[in-house]
Amino acid sequence: MNIVKPTIDSLSEYYKSYFDYVPETEMMKALIEQKELTEVYLKSIPVEKESFRYADEKWMLKEVVGHLCDTERILSYRALRFSRNDSTELSAFSENDYVPNSNHAQINLEALIAEKSAIRNSTIMLFKNMNNKMIDRTGNANKISVSVQSILFFIIAHERHHLKVIKEKYI
């Protein structure tokens, strides 16, 4: 199934700020290719960098990877609910609450990479098995209407954003 990139006008204000992170128009291809590129990159990070923080109040590098896991799970769950025409409004989540209450700081990066890979495989299968009607459906999360298509876009864009931060501030 070919899922095209949403137009910038169809995105929420928050998602619009990530628009340039995804130049591709074919979202499934980008999602699948990103899995391999991210794994290769994260596996190249030296062990001594796993617990590095670029500032006292910032997350460890492996906490950033854990945040990517948590966020993709939550976004995929939203896509599942909305694609199944579930009209229940979903609440917001705060990464600033999730990360300190996770165990990511105690897990080695290799294990987090494996977890992230499993999550991405699940995300790929979820979206691969949707039809156009499901992709076009919308729901409400954090009091904002969002389409399943735009959630897929944001999964890709969010990861690219954080990999850029890792490259610029952690490595």
Protein backbone atom coordinates (compact mmCIF):
# COMPACT_ATOMS: atom_id res chain seq x y z
CA MET A 1 0.00 0.00 0.00
CA ASN A 2 1.30 3.42 -0.92
CA ILE A 3 0.56 5.99 1.76
CA VAL A 4 1.44 9.49 0.60
CA LYS A 5 2.84 12.26 2.74
CA PRO A 6 0.10 14.53 4.05
CA THR A 7 -0.03 18.10 2.82
CA ILE A 8 1.27 20.69 5.25
CA ASP A 9 -2.20 22.27 5.41
CA SER A 10 -3.70 19.00 6.65
CA LEU A 11 -1.34 18.79 9.64
CA SER A 12 -1.84 20.15 13.13
CA GLU A 13 0.27 23.17 14.04
CA TYR A 14 2.62 20.97 16.08
CA TYR A 15 3.11 18.43 13.27
CA LYS A 16 3.70 21.24 10.76
CA SER A 17 6.93 22.13 12.57
CA TYR A 18 8.27 18.69 11.58
CA PHE A 19 7.24 18.87 7.92
CA ASP A 20 10.74 19.32 6.48
CA TYR A 21 12.04 16.21 8.25
CA VAL A 22 10.24 14.05 5.69
CA PRO A 23 11.02 15.01 2.09
CA GLU A 24 9.74 11.66 0.76
CA THR A 25 6.24 11.34 -0.59
CA GLU A 26 5.86 7.58 0.00
CA MET A 27 5.50 7.06 3.75
CA MET A 28 5.65 3.24 3.93
CA LYS A 29 8.91 3.15 2.00
CA ALA A 30 10.34 5.83 4.31
CA LEU A 31 9.15 3.95 7.41
CA ILE A 32 10.77 0.69 6.30
CA GLU A 33 14.04 2.28 5.15
CA GLN A 34 14.26 4.33 8.35
CA LYS A 35 14.24 1.14 10.44
CA GLU A 36 17.48 -0.12 8.92
CA LEU A 37 19.20 3.28 8.83
CA THR A 38 18.38 3.98 12.48
CA GLU A 39 19.52 0.54 13.65
CA VAL A 40 22.84 0.83 11.82
CA TYR A 41 23.43 4.30 13.20
CA LEU A 42 22.51 3.45 16.81
CA LYS A 43 24.68 0.29 16.72
CA SER A 44 27.65 2.46 15.71
CA ILE A 45 27.45 4.54 18.90
CA PRO A 46 30.31 3.77 21.31
CA VAL A 47 29.30 2.14 24.61
CA GLU A 48 30.81 5.03 26.58
CA LYS A 49 28.26 7.40 25.00
CA GLU A 50 25.17 5.41 26.11
CA SER A 51 24.79 7.26 29.43
CA PHE A 52 26.04 10.60 28.16
CA ARG A 53 23.97 13.76 28.81
CA TYR A 54 24.95 16.93 26.97
CA ALA A 55 23.60 19.00 29.89
CA ASP A 56 22.66 18.16 33.46
CA GLU A 57 18.92 18.42 32.96
CA LYS A 58 18.91 16.54 29.63
CA TRP A 59 18.22 12.86 29.05
CA MET A 60 20.93 10.24 28.63
CA LEU A 61 21.38 9.12 25.03
CA LYS A 62 19.78 5.76 25.83
CA GLU A 63 16.83 7.59 27.40
CA VAL A 64 16.33 9.35 24.07
CA VAL A 65 16.17 5.93 22.38
CA GLY A 66 13.73 4.77 25.04
CA HIS A 67 11.65 7.88 24.37
CA LEU A 68 11.53 6.92 20.68
CA CYS A 69 10.22 3.48 21.71
CA ASP A 70 7.54 4.92 23.99
CA THR A 71 6.42 7.52 21.48
CA GLU A 72 6.16 5.10 18.56
CA ARG A 73 4.10 2.72 20.71
CA ILE A 74 1.72 5.51 21.71
CA LEU A 75 1.40 6.88 18.19
CA SER A 76 0.81 3.41 16.74
CA TYR A 77 -1.88 2.79 19.34
CA ARG A 78 -3.56 6.03 18.33
CA ALA A 79 -3.36 5.02 14.66
CA LEU A 80 -4.88 1.64 15.50
CA ARG A 81 -7.77 3.19 17.41
CA PHE A 82 -8.51 5.84 14.79
CA SER A 83 -8.14 3.44 11.84
CA ARG A 84 -10.76 1.19 13.45
CA ASN A 85 -13.13 4.17 13.60
CA ASP A 86 -12.91 4.47 17.38
CA SER A 87 -14.18 7.95 18.21
CA THR A 88 -13.01 7.94 21.84
CA GLU A 89 -10.91 11.02 22.51
CA LEU A 90 -7.42 10.06 23.61
CA SER A 91 -5.49 12.02 26.20
CA ALA A 92 -2.11 13.65 25.79
CA PHE A 93 1.09 12.20 27.14
CA SER A 94 4.14 14.00 28.40
CA GLU A 95 7.56 12.64 27.59
CA ASN A 96 8.78 14.60 30.59
CA ASP A 97 6.67 12.31 32.77
CA TYR A 98 7.39 9.10 30.86
CA VAL A 99 11.19 9.19 30.69
CA PRO A 100 11.87 9.67 34.43
CA ASN A 101 9.38 6.90 35.19
CA SER A 102 10.93 4.47 32.73
CA ASN A 103 13.82 2.10 33.27
CA HIS A 104 15.68 3.26 30.17
CA ALA A 105 18.67 4.59 32.13
CA GLN A 106 19.34 1.07 33.47
CA ILE A 107 18.98 -0.74 30.14
CA ASN A 108 21.92 -1.03 27.77
CA LEU A 109 21.66 0.55 24.35
CA GLU A 110 21.83 -2.82 22.57
CA ALA A 111 18.65 -3.97 24.33
CA LEU A 112 16.90 -0.68 23.54
CA ILE A 113 17.85 -1.02 19.87
CA ALA A 114 16.33 -4.53 19.83
CA GLU A 115 13.17 -3.20 21.48
CA LYS A 116 12.97 -0.35 19.00
CA SER A 117 13.35 -2.80 16.11
CA ALA A 118 10.49 -4.96 17.40
CA ILE A 119 8.27 -1.91 17.81
CA ARG A 120 9.05 -0.71 14.28
CA ASN A 121 8.29 -4.15 12.85
CA SER A 122 4.91 -4.00 14.56
CA THR A 123 4.29 -0.47 13.27
CA ILE A 124 5.14 -1.53 9.72
CA MET A 125 2.68 -4.43 9.87
CA LEU A 126 -0.04 -2.23 11.37
CA PHE A 127 0.14 0.31 8.55
CA LYS A 128 0.78 -2.28 5.81
CA ASN A 129 -2.51 -3.94 6.61
CA MET A 130 -4.61 -0.78 6.43
CA ASN A 131 -6.68 0.23 3.44
CA ASN A 132 -7.21 3.78 2.15
CA LYS A 133 -10.39 4.27 4.16
CA MET A 134 -8.53 3.43 7.38
CA ILE A 135 -5.59 5.70 6.52
CA ASP A 136 -7.95 8.63 5.90
CA ARG A 137 -9.79 8.30 9.20
CA THR A 138 -9.27 10.84 11.94
CA GLY A 139 -9.57 10.90 15.68
CA ASN A 140 -8.89 13.23 18.56
CA ALA A 141 -5.81 13.10 20.73
CA ASN A 142 -4.87 15.85 23.12
CA LYS A 143 -7.95 17.77 21.93
CA ILE A 144 -6.56 17.91 18.38
CA SER A 145 -8.02 16.17 15.33
CA VAL A 146 -5.40 14.02 13.67
CA SER A 147 -5.52 11.59 10.73
CA VAL A 148 -4.00 8.14 10.65
CA GLN A 149 -1.95 9.34 7.67
CA SER A 150 -0.51 12.23 9.69
CA ILE A 151 0.35 9.90 12.58
CA LEU A 152 2.45 7.80 10.22
CA PHE A 153 4.15 10.96 8.97
CA PHE A 154 4.89 12.04 12.53
CA ILE A 155 6.35 8.66 13.54
CA ILE A 156 8.96 9.13 10.81
CA ALA A 157 9.53 12.85 11.42
CA HIS A 158 9.80 12.49 15.22
CA GLU A 159 12.52 9.87 14.92
CA ARG A 160 14.48 11.96 12.42
CA HIS A 161 14.26 14.94 14.74
CA HIS A 162 15.74 13.00 17.65
CA LEU A 163 18.44 11.36 15.55
CA LYS A 164 19.49 14.83 14.46
CA VAL A 165 19.70 15.87 18.12
CA ILE A 166 21.75 12.75 18.93
CA LYS A 167 24.19 13.50 16.10
CA GLU A 168 24.53 17.18 16.98
CA LYS A 169 24.56 17.08 20.78
CA TYR A 170 25.50 13.59 21.95
CA ILE A 171 28.08 12.33 19.48
